Amino acid sequence: MFEDPRNELGGDFLIKLATNPKEGMFEFLNLIWESLTQDVITKRIPHSNQILGVRIVDKCYQGKVHFRIEVWHKINN
């Protein structure tokens, strides 16, 4: 959860995908999501011990396609 105390001094990276619905767009989004989560779980991302969570947010409305992928990270002092 974003409210977790470990997130208090951290931040996030955002990947925004806003487009008109096109064939293959959801497959592309799924590929990004699968690659990201696998790399986090297997620790293939540098400094993966700093990552607290990842999530995908569906912001689609009125026929517009808009997704956001977030990577939450902590900051060690």
Foldseek 3Di string as FASTA:
>chain_A
DCPPPQLVAWDKDKDKDKDQDDPCPVVVVVVVVVVVVVCLVVVVDPPSVFWDDKDKDFPDDPRIGMIMIMTIGGDDD
